[in-house]
Amino acid sequence: MTVPSALLSHRTDEHLTPRYILDAVLECLGGIDLDPCSNSRTCPNVPAARHFTRGDDGLSQPWDGRVFLNPPFGRDVDRWFQKLTAEYCAGRTVAAVVLWKSATETRAWRILTGSADVVCFPARRIDFEGDGPRTGSTFSPALFYVGREHTRFARAFAPIGEIWVVPRRLVHAGP
């Protein structure tokens, strides 16, 4: 399934995470070992121990430790969620927080919610950081948690929005 064009209406596929979200990620994870989709290695937005930029091709690298994933919001976003699932199942990623959209109709959503156990639906849209004036997001955001510390995630993200347990499909209805 392709991502609907309405979800791609923003000028860029990169959205720099605001500080209050990063503070909650740090509280939840206790630190960030890897940002696999970094905007910069020399002046990164995310306070991680390691950063992969576009030039590093984060999809081809191992994702060790605690990961914060704010992927490029383009048509291939599902590849980032497949990578996260594979790294978590292999035991390299021990926990992750993912910032993405509440795009429940997409293949990417199904992949992500296949490995995430809890999700935070922020009470308001996120004003992403950037070089220009803030324009606000054009989509409803969600923050997903992959890992075992569900209570820690809930405690860290409750001030931002509602925390939900990801429902599991009882019957597979199709592709």
N, C-alpha and C. Protein backbone atom coordinates (compact mmCIF):
# COMPACT_ATOMS: atom_id res chain seq x y z
N MET A 1 0.85 -1.18 0.00
CA MET A 1 0.00 0.00 0.00
C MET A 1 0.89 1.23 0.00
N THR A 2 0.54 2.19 -0.78
CA THR A 2 1.32 3.43 -0.81
C THR A 2 0.78 4.40 0.22
N VAL A 3 1.64 5.34 0.62
CA VAL A 3 1.25 6.35 1.58
C VAL A 3 0.39 7.38 0.85
N PRO A 4 -0.79 7.71 1.38
CA PRO A 4 -1.64 8.70 0.72
C PRO A 4 -0.92 10.04 0.59
N SER A 5 -1.16 10.74 -0.54
CA SER A 5 -0.46 12.00 -0.78
C SER A 5 -0.78 13.05 0.27
N ALA A 6 -1.92 12.99 0.91
CA ALA A 6 -2.25 13.95 1.96
C ALA A 6 -1.27 13.85 3.13
N LEU A 7 -0.73 12.67 3.35
CA LEU A 7 0.23 12.50 4.43
C LEU A 7 1.61 12.99 4.04
N LEU A 8 1.82 13.28 2.77
CA LEU A 8 3.11 13.75 2.29
C LEU A 8 3.06 15.22 1.90
N SER A 9 2.09 15.96 2.40
CA SER A 9 1.86 17.32 1.96
C SER A 9 2.85 18.32 2.54
N HIS A 10 3.65 17.94 3.48
CA HIS A 10 4.63 18.84 4.06
C HIS A 10 5.76 19.06 3.07
N ARG A 11 6.47 20.17 3.17
CA ARG A 11 7.52 20.51 2.22
C ARG A 11 8.70 19.56 2.23
N THR A 12 8.93 18.86 3.32
CA THR A 12 10.08 17.97 3.43
C THR A 12 9.67 16.69 4.14
N ASP A 13 10.48 15.64 3.97
CA ASP A 13 10.19 14.40 4.69
C ASP A 13 10.94 14.34 6.02
N GLU A 14 11.70 15.38 6.35
CA GLU A 14 12.43 15.46 7.62
C GLU A 14 11.71 16.41 8.57
N HIS A 15 11.49 15.93 9.78
CA HIS A 15 10.83 16.71 10.82
C HIS A 15 11.68 16.61 12.08
N LEU A 16 12.33 17.71 12.47
CA LEU A 16 13.22 17.69 13.63
C LEU A 16 12.41 17.69 14.91
N THR A 17 12.72 16.75 15.78
CA THR A 17 11.97 16.52 17.00
C THR A 17 12.13 17.66 17.99
N PRO A 18 11.03 18.18 18.54
CA PRO A 18 11.13 19.24 19.55
C PRO A 18 11.68 18.71 20.87
N ARG A 19 12.24 19.60 21.64
CA ARG A 19 12.94 19.25 22.89
C ARG A 19 12.05 18.51 23.89
N TYR A 20 10.79 18.93 24.05
CA TYR A 20 9.95 18.28 25.06
C TYR A 20 9.71 16.81 24.74
N ILE A 21 9.68 16.46 23.45
CA ILE A 21 9.55 15.05 23.07
C ILE A 21 10.85 14.31 23.39
N LEU A 22 11.98 14.93 23.05
CA LEU A 22 13.28 14.30 23.34
C LEU A 22 13.47 14.12 24.84
N ASP A 23 13.00 15.07 25.65
CA ASP A 23 13.10 14.92 27.10
C ASP A 23 12.32 13.70 27.58
N ALA A 24 11.13 13.47 27.01
CA ALA A 24 10.34 12.30 27.38
C ALA A 24 11.02 11.01 26.91
N VAL A 25 11.62 11.04 25.73
CA VAL A 25 12.35 9.87 25.22
C VAL A 25 13.50 9.54 26.17
N LEU A 26 14.25 10.56 26.58
CA LEU A 26 15.38 10.34 27.50
C LEU A 26 14.90 9.80 28.84
N GLU A 27 13.78 10.32 29.34
CA GLU A 27 13.23 9.82 30.61
C GLU A 27 12.80 8.36 30.47
N CYS A 28 12.21 8.02 29.35
CA CYS A 28 11.74 6.66 29.11
C CYS A 28 12.91 5.69 28.94
N LEU A 29 13.83 6.02 28.05
CA LEU A 29 14.91 5.09 27.70
C LEU A 29 16.11 5.19 28.64
N GLY A 30 16.25 6.31 29.35
CA GLY A 30 17.42 6.50 30.21
C GLY A 30 18.64 6.96 29.42
N GLY A 31 18.48 7.23 28.16
CA GLY A 31 19.55 7.65 27.26
C GLY A 31 19.23 7.14 25.87
N ILE A 32 19.89 7.70 24.88
CA ILE A 32 19.69 7.27 23.50
C ILE A 32 21.04 6.83 22.95
N ASP A 33 21.12 5.58 22.59
CA ASP A 33 22.36 5.05 22.02
C ASP A 33 22.47 5.35 20.53
N LEU A 34 21.32 5.40 19.83
CA LEU A 34 21.38 5.56 18.38
C LEU A 34 20.20 6.37 17.85
N ASP A 35 20.52 7.30 16.97
CA ASP A 35 19.55 8.00 16.13
C ASP A 35 19.87 7.57 14.70
N PRO A 36 19.14 6.59 14.15
CA PRO A 36 19.48 6.07 12.82
C PRO A 36 19.07 6.97 11.66
N CYS A 37 18.36 8.06 11.95
CA CYS A 37 17.88 8.99 10.90
C CYS A 37 18.27 10.41 11.26
N SER A 38 19.50 10.64 11.61
CA SER A 38 19.94 11.94 12.10
C SER A 38 19.99 12.99 11.00
N ASN A 39 19.72 14.22 11.39
CA ASN A 39 19.84 15.34 10.47
C ASN A 39 21.29 15.76 10.28
N SER A 40 22.16 15.41 11.25
CA SER A 40 23.56 15.84 11.19
C SER A 40 24.39 15.05 12.17
N ARG A 41 25.63 14.80 11.83
CA ARG A 41 26.53 14.15 12.77
C ARG A 41 27.28 15.21 13.60
N THR A 42 27.49 16.39 13.04
CA THR A 42 28.25 17.43 13.74
C THR A 42 27.37 18.30 14.63
N CYS A 43 26.12 18.49 14.26
CA CYS A 43 25.20 19.30 15.05
C CYS A 43 23.82 18.64 15.06
N PRO A 44 23.74 17.47 15.68
CA PRO A 44 22.48 16.71 15.63
C PRO A 44 21.39 17.30 16.51
N ASN A 45 20.16 17.06 16.10
CA ASN A 45 18.99 17.47 16.87
C ASN A 45 18.76 16.54 18.06
N VAL A 46 19.08 15.26 17.89
CA VAL A 46 18.83 14.24 18.91
C VAL A 46 20.10 13.97 19.70
N PRO A 47 20.02 14.03 21.05
CA PRO A 47 21.20 13.78 21.89
C PRO A 47 21.50 12.29 22.05
N ALA A 48 21.98 11.68 20.98
CA ALA A 48 22.29 10.25 20.98
C ALA A 48 23.81 10.05 20.99
N ALA A 49 24.24 8.89 21.44
CA ALA A 49 25.67 8.56 21.44
C ALA A 49 26.18 8.39 20.01
N ARG A 50 25.33 7.84 19.11
CA ARG A 50 25.70 7.65 17.70
C ARG A 50 24.60 8.17 16.80
N HIS A 51 25.00 8.67 15.64
CA HIS A 51 24.06 9.20 14.66
C HIS A 51 24.39 8.65 13.29
N PHE A 52 23.36 8.18 12.59
CA PHE A 52 23.51 7.83 11.18
C PHE A 52 22.76 8.88 10.37
N THR A 53 23.42 9.46 9.37
CA THR A 53 22.80 10.42 8.48
C THR A 53 22.40 9.71 7.18
N ARG A 54 21.81 10.46 6.27
CA ARG A 54 21.44 9.87 4.96
C ARG A 54 22.66 9.22 4.31
N GLY A 55 23.80 9.88 4.42
CA GLY A 55 25.02 9.35 3.82
C GLY A 55 25.48 8.04 4.41
N ASP A 56 25.11 7.77 5.66
CA ASP A 56 25.49 6.52 6.33
C ASP A 56 24.57 5.36 5.99
N ASP A 57 23.40 5.66 5.45
CA ASP A 57 22.38 4.65 5.15
C ASP A 57 22.07 3.81 6.39
N GLY A 58 21.33 4.40 7.30
CA GLY A 58 20.97 3.73 8.54
C GLY A 58 20.28 2.40 8.38
N LEU A 59 19.64 2.18 7.24
CA LEU A 59 18.97 0.90 7.00
C LEU A 59 19.95 -0.25 6.81
N SER A 60 21.20 0.06 6.48
CA SER A 60 22.19 -1.00 6.26
C SER A 60 23.13 -1.18 7.45
N GLN A 61 22.90 -0.44 8.52
CA GLN A 61 23.76 -0.49 9.71
C GLN A 61 23.08 -1.26 10.84
N PRO A 62 23.85 -1.82 11.77
CA PRO A 62 23.24 -2.43 12.96
C PRO A 62 22.72 -1.36 13.91
N TRP A 63 21.61 -1.64 14.56
CA TRP A 63 21.01 -0.71 15.50
C TRP A 63 21.15 -1.28 16.91
N ASP A 64 22.22 -0.95 17.57
CA ASP A 64 22.49 -1.48 18.90
C ASP A 64 21.98 -0.56 19.99
N GLY A 65 21.41 -1.16 21.05
CA GLY A 65 21.03 -0.42 22.24
C GLY A 65 19.65 0.21 22.18
N ARG A 66 19.58 1.41 22.77
CA ARG A 66 18.32 2.16 22.88
C ARG A 66 18.23 3.11 21.69
N VAL A 67 17.15 3.02 20.95
CA VAL A 67 17.02 3.74 19.68
C VAL A 67 15.86 4.74 19.75
N PHE A 68 16.13 5.92 19.22
CA PHE A 68 15.05 6.87 18.95
C PHE A 68 14.94 7.00 17.44
N LEU A 69 13.76 6.71 16.91
CA LEU A 69 13.54 6.70 15.47
C LEU A 69 12.48 7.73 15.08
N ASN A 70 12.92 8.77 14.40
CA ASN A 70 12.05 9.75 13.76
C ASN A 70 12.42 9.67 12.29
N PRO A 71 11.80 8.73 11.55
CA PRO A 71 12.23 8.44 10.19
C PRO A 71 11.80 9.51 9.19
N PRO A 72 12.41 9.50 8.01
CA PRO A 72 11.90 10.36 6.94
C PRO A 72 10.46 9.93 6.65
N PHE A 73 9.55 10.88 6.61
CA PHE A 73 8.13 10.57 6.48
C PHE A 73 7.72 10.38 5.03
N GLY A 74 8.54 9.74 4.23
CA GLY A 74 8.25 9.54 2.81
C GLY A 74 7.57 8.22 2.53
N ARG A 75 7.53 7.90 1.26
CA ARG A 75 6.83 6.70 0.80
C ARG A 75 7.47 5.40 1.25
N ASP A 76 8.75 5.41 1.60
CA ASP A 76 9.45 4.19 2.01
C ASP A 76 9.58 4.04 3.52
N VAL A 77 8.74 4.73 4.28
CA VAL A 77 8.86 4.71 5.73
C VAL A 77 8.72 3.31 6.32
N ASP A 78 7.96 2.45 5.65
CA ASP A 78 7.77 1.11 6.18
C ASP A 78 9.08 0.34 6.28
N ARG A 79 10.05 0.67 5.42
CA ARG A 79 11.36 0.02 5.49
C ARG A 79 12.05 0.29 6.83
N TRP A 80 11.86 1.47 7.40
CA TRP A 80 12.45 1.81 8.71
C TRP A 80 11.81 0.98 9.81
N PHE A 81 10.52 0.75 9.71
CA PHE A 81 9.82 -0.02 10.73
C PHE A 81 10.14 -1.52 10.61
N GLN A 82 10.33 -1.99 9.40
CA GLN A 82 10.78 -3.38 9.21
C GLN A 82 12.17 -3.57 9.81
N LYS A 83 13.04 -2.60 9.60
CA LYS A 83 14.40 -2.65 10.16
C LYS A 83 14.35 -2.66 11.68
N LEU A 84 13.55 -1.79 12.27
CA LEU A 84 13.43 -1.75 13.73
C LEU A 84 12.94 -3.10 14.26
N THR A 85 11.92 -3.65 13.64
CA THR A 85 11.39 -4.94 14.07
C THR A 85 12.46 -6.02 14.01
N ALA A 86 13.22 -6.05 12.91
CA ALA A 86 14.27 -7.05 12.76
C ALA A 86 15.37 -6.87 13.80
N GLU A 87 15.77 -5.64 14.06
CA GLU A 87 16.83 -5.37 15.04
C GLU A 87 16.37 -5.71 16.46
N TYR A 88 15.11 -5.44 16.78
CA TYR A 88 14.58 -5.77 18.10
C TYR A 88 14.48 -7.29 18.26
N CYS A 89 13.97 -7.96 17.26
CA CYS A 89 13.85 -9.42 17.33
C CYS A 89 15.21 -10.10 17.42
N ALA A 90 16.23 -9.51 16.81
CA ALA A 90 17.59 -10.05 16.86
C ALA A 90 18.28 -9.73 18.19
N GLY A 91 17.68 -8.86 19.01
CA GLY A 91 18.25 -8.52 20.30
C GLY A 91 19.26 -7.38 20.26
N ARG A 92 19.50 -6.82 19.10
CA ARG A 92 20.44 -5.68 19.03
C ARG A 92 19.80 -4.41 19.58
N THR A 93 18.58 -4.12 19.18
CA THR A 93 17.83 -3.00 19.76
C THR A 93 17.15 -3.51 21.01
N VAL A 94 17.42 -2.87 22.15
CA VAL A 94 16.82 -3.33 23.40
C VAL A 94 15.53 -2.60 23.72
N ALA A 95 15.38 -1.39 23.22
CA ALA A 95 14.16 -0.60 23.39
C ALA A 95 14.20 0.53 22.36
N ALA A 96 13.02 1.01 21.99
CA ALA A 96 12.95 2.09 21.01
C ALA A 96 11.69 2.92 21.21
N VAL A 97 11.83 4.20 20.91
CA VAL A 97 10.69 5.09 20.80
C VAL A 97 10.68 5.59 19.37
N VAL A 98 9.50 5.55 18.76
CA VAL A 98 9.34 5.94 17.37
C VAL A 98 8.33 7.09 17.29
N LEU A 99 8.71 8.13 16.60
CA LEU A 99 7.81 9.25 16.33
C LEU A 99 7.32 9.11 14.89
N TRP A 100 6.02 8.96 14.75
CA TRP A 100 5.45 8.88 13.41
C TRP A 100 4.03 9.41 13.43
N LYS A 101 3.23 9.02 12.50
CA LYS A 101 1.88 9.54 12.32
C LYS A 101 0.82 8.56 12.83
N SER A 102 -0.35 9.07 13.05
CA SER A 102 -1.51 8.23 13.35
C SER A 102 -2.17 7.84 12.04
N ALA A 103 -1.41 7.17 11.21
CA ALA A 103 -1.88 6.79 9.86
C ALA A 103 -2.28 5.33 9.86
N THR A 104 -3.40 5.06 10.48
CA THR A 104 -3.83 3.68 10.73
C THR A 104 -4.16 2.90 9.47
N GLU A 105 -4.35 3.59 8.36
CA GLU A 105 -4.71 2.91 7.11
C GLU A 105 -3.51 2.43 6.31
N THR A 106 -2.31 2.66 6.78
CA THR A 106 -1.11 2.36 6.00
C THR A 106 -0.46 1.03 6.38
N ARG A 107 0.29 0.50 5.45
CA ARG A 107 1.10 -0.70 5.70
C ARG A 107 2.14 -0.41 6.78
N ALA A 108 2.71 0.79 6.75
CA ALA A 108 3.71 1.18 7.74
C ALA A 108 3.14 1.10 9.15
N TRP A 109 1.90 1.54 9.34
CA TRP A 109 1.25 1.48 10.64
C TRP A 109 1.13 0.02 11.11
N ARG A 110 0.74 -0.85 10.19
CA ARG A 110 0.58 -2.26 10.56
C ARG A 110 1.92 -2.89 10.95
N ILE A 111 2.98 -2.53 10.24
CA ILE A 111 4.31 -3.05 10.58
C ILE A 111 4.73 -2.54 11.95
N LEU A 112 4.58 -1.25 12.17
CA LEU A 112 5.01 -0.65 13.43
C LEU A 112 4.22 -1.18 14.62
N THR A 113 2.92 -1.28 14.47
CA THR A 113 2.12 -1.77 15.60
C THR A 113 2.26 -3.28 15.79
N GLY A 114 2.92 -3.95 14.85
CA GLY A 114 3.23 -5.36 15.04
C GLY A 114 4.33 -5.58 16.07
N SER A 115 5.17 -4.57 16.27
CA SER A 115 6.26 -4.71 17.26
C SER A 115 6.09 -3.76 18.45
N ALA A 116 5.37 -2.68 18.29
CA ALA A 116 5.15 -1.75 19.41
C ALA A 116 4.04 -2.29 20.30
N ASP A 117 4.20 -2.09 21.61
CA ASP A 117 3.20 -2.55 22.56
C ASP A 117 2.32 -1.44 23.10
N VAL A 118 2.88 -0.24 23.20
CA VAL A 118 2.12 0.90 23.69
C VAL A 118 2.39 2.10 22.79
N VAL A 119 1.43 3.02 22.78
CA VAL A 119 1.54 4.21 21.94
C VAL A 119 0.99 5.40 22.70
N CYS A 120 1.61 6.55 22.46
CA CYS A 120 1.12 7.82 23.02
C CYS A 120 0.53 8.63 21.88
N PHE A 121 -0.70 9.06 22.06
CA PHE A 121 -1.34 9.97 21.11
C PHE A 121 -1.32 11.36 21.74
N PRO A 122 -0.40 12.23 21.28
CA PRO A 122 -0.29 13.56 21.88
C PRO A 122 -1.60 14.33 21.86
N ALA A 123 -1.80 15.15 22.88
CA ALA A 123 -3.01 15.94 23.01
C ALA A 123 -3.10 17.06 21.98
N ARG A 124 -1.97 17.35 21.33
CA ARG A 124 -1.97 18.37 20.28
C ARG A 124 -0.95 17.98 19.22
N ARG A 125 -1.06 18.60 18.07
CA ARG A 125 -0.09 18.34 17.02
C ARG A 125 1.27 18.89 17.43
N ILE A 126 2.29 18.31 16.86
CA ILE A 126 3.66 18.67 17.22
C ILE A 126 4.17 19.77 16.30
N ASP A 127 4.73 20.82 16.89
CA ASP A 127 5.45 21.84 16.12
C ASP A 127 6.88 21.36 16.02
N PHE A 128 7.27 20.91 14.83
CA PHE A 128 8.61 20.39 14.64
C PHE A 128 9.62 21.53 14.56
N GLU A 129 10.85 21.22 14.97
CA GLU A 129 11.93 22.19 14.91
C GLU A 129 12.43 22.30 13.47
N GLY A 130 13.07 23.40 13.16
CA GLY A 130 13.62 23.56 11.83
C GLY A 130 14.29 24.91 11.67
N ASP A 131 14.72 25.18 10.47
CA ASP A 131 15.41 26.43 10.20
C ASP A 131 14.48 27.62 10.08
N GLY A 132 13.27 27.39 9.63
CA GLY A 132 12.34 28.49 9.39
C GLY A 132 11.32 28.62 10.51
N PRO A 133 10.31 29.46 10.28
CA PRO A 133 9.26 29.63 11.29
C PRO A 133 8.45 28.35 11.45
N ARG A 134 7.96 28.12 12.64
CA ARG A 134 7.16 26.93 12.89
C ARG A 134 5.81 27.07 12.20
N THR A 135 5.44 26.03 11.51
CA THR A 135 4.17 26.06 10.80
C THR A 135 3.19 25.03 11.36
N GLY A 136 3.65 24.21 12.26
CA GLY A 136 2.79 23.15 12.79
C GLY A 136 2.77 21.97 11.85
N SER A 137 2.50 20.80 12.38
CA SER A 137 2.48 19.61 11.54
C SER A 137 1.18 19.53 10.76
N THR A 138 1.24 18.79 9.68
CA THR A 138 0.06 18.60 8.83
C THR A 138 -0.60 17.25 9.10
N PHE A 139 -0.23 16.61 10.21
CA PHE A 139 -0.76 15.28 10.51
C PHE A 139 -0.89 15.11 12.02
N SER A 140 -1.66 14.12 12.42
CA SER A 140 -1.78 13.78 13.84
C SER A 140 -0.64 12.84 14.20
N PRO A 141 0.16 13.19 15.20
CA PRO A 141 1.32 12.38 15.54
C PRO A 141 0.99 11.24 16.50
N ALA A 142 1.95 10.33 16.60
CA ALA A 142 1.88 9.24 17.57
C ALA A 142 3.31 8.88 17.95
N LEU A 143 3.51 8.44 19.18
CA LEU A 143 4.81 7.99 19.66
C LEU A 143 4.65 6.56 20.13
N PHE A 144 5.43 5.68 19.55
CA PHE A 144 5.32 4.24 19.79
C PHE A 144 6.48 3.76 20.64
N TYR A 145 6.22 2.76 21.46
CA TYR A 145 7.27 2.17 22.28
C TYR A 145 7.43 0.69 21.96
N VAL A 146 8.67 0.31 21.69
CA VAL A 146 9.03 -1.08 21.47
C VAL A 146 9.99 -1.44 22.60
N GLY A 147 9.61 -2.35 23.43
CA GLY A 147 10.45 -2.73 24.57
C GLY A 147 9.63 -3.32 25.69
N ARG A 148 10.27 -3.51 26.83
CA ARG A 148 9.62 -4.18 27.97
C ARG A 148 9.19 -3.24 29.09
N GLU A 149 9.66 -2.00 29.07
CA GLU A 149 9.39 -1.06 30.17
C GLU A 149 8.16 -0.21 29.89
N HIS A 150 7.00 -0.84 29.77
CA HIS A 150 5.77 -0.15 29.41
C HIS A 150 5.40 0.92 30.42
N THR A 151 5.54 0.63 31.69
CA THR A 151 5.20 1.60 32.73
C THR A 151 6.11 2.82 32.66
N ARG A 152 7.37 2.59 32.39
CA ARG A 152 8.31 3.71 32.26
C ARG A 152 7.94 4.61 31.08
N PHE A 153 7.56 4.00 29.94
CA PHE A 153 7.09 4.76 28.79
C PHE A 153 5.85 5.57 29.18
N ALA A 154 4.89 4.92 29.81
CA ALA A 154 3.64 5.60 30.19
C ALA A 154 3.92 6.78 31.12
N ARG A 155 4.80 6.60 32.07
CA ARG A 155 5.13 7.68 33.01
C ARG A 155 5.79 8.86 32.28
N ALA A 156 6.68 8.57 31.35
CA ALA A 156 7.41 9.62 30.64
C ALA A 156 6.52 10.38 29.65
N PHE A 157 5.58 9.68 29.02
CA PHE A 157 4.79 10.30 27.96
C PHE A 157 3.38 10.72 28.37
N ALA A 158 2.92 10.36 29.56
CA ALA A 158 1.58 10.76 30.02
C ALA A 158 1.36 12.27 30.00
N PRO A 159 2.37 13.10 30.33
CA PRO A 159 2.14 14.55 30.24
C PRO A 159 1.92 15.05 28.80
N ILE A 160 2.29 14.25 27.82
CA ILE A 160 2.17 14.66 26.42
C ILE A 160 0.82 14.26 25.82
N GLY A 161 0.29 13.12 26.26
CA GLY A 161 -0.98 12.69 25.70
C GLY A 161 -1.46 11.38 26.28
N GLU A 162 -2.47 10.83 25.65
CA GLU A 162 -3.08 9.57 26.08
C GLU A 162 -2.17 8.40 25.74
N ILE A 163 -2.05 7.45 26.65
CA ILE A 163 -1.25 6.24 26.45
C ILE A 163 -2.22 5.08 26.22
N TRP A 164 -2.00 4.38 25.14
CA TRP A 164 -2.86 3.25 24.78
C TRP A 164 -2.02 2.00 24.62
N VAL A 165 -2.59 0.87 24.98
CA VAL A 165 -2.00 -0.42 24.66
C VAL A 165 -2.37 -0.70 23.21
N VAL A 166 -1.40 -1.13 22.43
CA VAL A 166 -1.65 -1.42 21.02
C VAL A 166 -2.52 -2.67 20.92
N PRO A 167 -3.69 -2.54 20.30
CA PRO A 167 -4.54 -3.72 20.15
C PRO A 167 -3.93 -4.70 19.17
N ARG A 168 -4.17 -5.95 19.36
CA ARG A 168 -3.68 -7.01 18.47
C ARG A 168 -4.83 -7.53 17.64
N ARG A 169 -4.56 -7.79 16.38
CA ARG A 169 -5.58 -8.35 15.49
C ARG A 169 -5.92 -9.76 15.93
N LEU A 170 -7.18 -10.06 15.97
CA LEU A 170 -7.61 -11.42 16.28
C LEU A 170 -7.65 -12.27 15.02
N VAL A 171 -7.99 -11.64 13.90
CA VAL A 171 -8.06 -12.31 12.62
C VAL A 171 -7.42 -11.42 11.60
N HIS A 172 -6.60 -12.02 10.75
CA HIS A 172 -5.97 -11.26 9.67
C HIS A 172 -7.00 -11.07 8.57
N ALA A 173 -7.34 -9.79 8.30
CA ALA A 173 -8.41 -9.47 7.35
C ALA A 173 -7.93 -9.29 5.92
N GLY A 174 -6.65 -9.29 5.67
CA GLY A 174 -6.19 -9.10 4.31
C GLY A 174 -4.78 -8.54 4.27
N PRO A 175 -4.35 -8.08 3.09
CA PRO A 175 -2.96 -7.61 2.93
C PRO A 175 -2.60 -6.42 3.76
